[in-house]
Amino acid sequence: MRIRRILAAGIATAALAGLGLTGAATATANALTPGECVDGGGTVDWTPNPANPGTGTCRGGTGDGQAVD
């Protein structure tokens, strides 16, 4: 009985860890804030982009090329 509880706890922990990794990957795919771009050493280019209206692009730094909203 104890082995089943330990095994169930291990599986639950692994499942939750997997969800955490998925959430982290999703978070990095989102657009940066202007502050995150600047903090990463870049500048925000607000030149209009017809493909993604209302957003800018981070130029330089760690967020180079990422969308900024």
Protein backbone atom coordinates (compact mmCIF):
# COMPACT_ATOMS: atom_id res chain seq x y z
CA MET A 1 0.00 0.00 0.00
CA ARG A 2 2.83 2.39 0.84
CA ILE A 3 4.48 1.75 -2.53
CA ARG A 4 1.28 2.70 -4.36
CA ARG A 5 1.07 5.99 -2.47
CA ILE A 6 4.69 6.82 -3.19
CA LEU A 7 4.28 5.90 -6.85
CA ALA A 8 1.08 7.99 -7.13
CA ALA A 9 2.80 10.96 -5.50
CA GLY A 10 5.75 10.63 -7.90
CA ILE A 11 3.47 10.51 -10.94
CA ALA A 12 1.48 13.52 -9.72
CA THR A 13 4.68 15.47 -9.11
CA ALA A 14 5.99 14.64 -12.60
CA ALA A 15 2.68 15.68 -14.17
CA LEU A 16 2.67 19.01 -12.34
CA ALA A 17 6.30 19.63 -13.29
CA GLY A 18 5.40 18.99 -16.92
CA LEU A 19 2.61 21.55 -16.73
CA GLY A 20 5.03 24.06 -15.27
CA LEU A 21 7.44 23.59 -18.16
CA THR A 22 4.61 23.98 -20.66
CA GLY A 23 3.49 27.20 -18.99
CA ALA A 24 7.02 28.59 -19.06
CA ALA A 25 7.36 27.85 -22.76
CA THR A 26 4.04 29.52 -23.47
CA ALA A 27 5.01 32.58 -21.49
CA THR A 28 8.19 33.11 -23.46
CA ALA A 29 6.29 32.96 -26.75
CA ASN A 30 4.19 36.03 -25.85
CA ALA A 31 5.11 39.57 -26.82
CA LEU A 32 7.43 41.60 -24.62
CA THR A 33 6.41 44.71 -22.75
CA PRO A 34 8.31 47.88 -23.65
CA GLY A 35 10.05 47.73 -20.26
CA GLU A 36 11.24 44.16 -20.82
CA CYS A 37 12.72 45.17 -24.17
CA VAL A 38 14.57 48.14 -22.67
CA ASP A 39 15.69 46.16 -19.61
CA GLY A 40 17.17 43.55 -21.96
CA GLY A 41 19.31 46.22 -23.62
CA GLY A 42 17.11 46.92 -26.64
CA THR A 43 14.98 49.75 -27.95
CA VAL A 44 11.37 49.65 -29.11
CA ASP A 45 10.68 50.36 -32.78
CA TRP A 46 7.05 51.50 -33.08
CA THR A 47 7.10 51.62 -36.90
CA PRO A 48 3.66 50.42 -38.10
CA ASN A 49 3.60 46.76 -39.09
CA PRO A 50 0.61 45.77 -41.27
CA ALA A 51 1.07 42.10 -40.34
CA ASN A 52 0.74 42.86 -36.61
CA PRO A 53 -0.97 46.24 -36.10
CA GLY A 54 -0.72 47.95 -32.74
CA THR A 55 2.60 46.36 -31.82
CA GLY A 56 6.22 47.31 -32.12
CA THR A 57 9.43 45.37 -32.45
CA CYS A 58 12.30 45.10 -29.99
CA ARG A 59 15.57 46.04 -31.69
CA GLY A 60 18.79 44.82 -30.10
CA GLY A 61 19.42 43.27 -26.70
CA THR A 62 18.12 39.92 -25.54
CA GLY A 63 14.66 40.44 -27.10
CA ASP A 64 15.88 41.39 -30.57
CA GLY A 65 13.17 40.84 -33.19
CA GLN A 66 10.40 39.99 -30.72
CA ALA A 67 7.01 41.74 -30.81
CA VAL A 68 6.36 44.44 -28.21
CA ASP A 69 2.85 45.35 -27.09
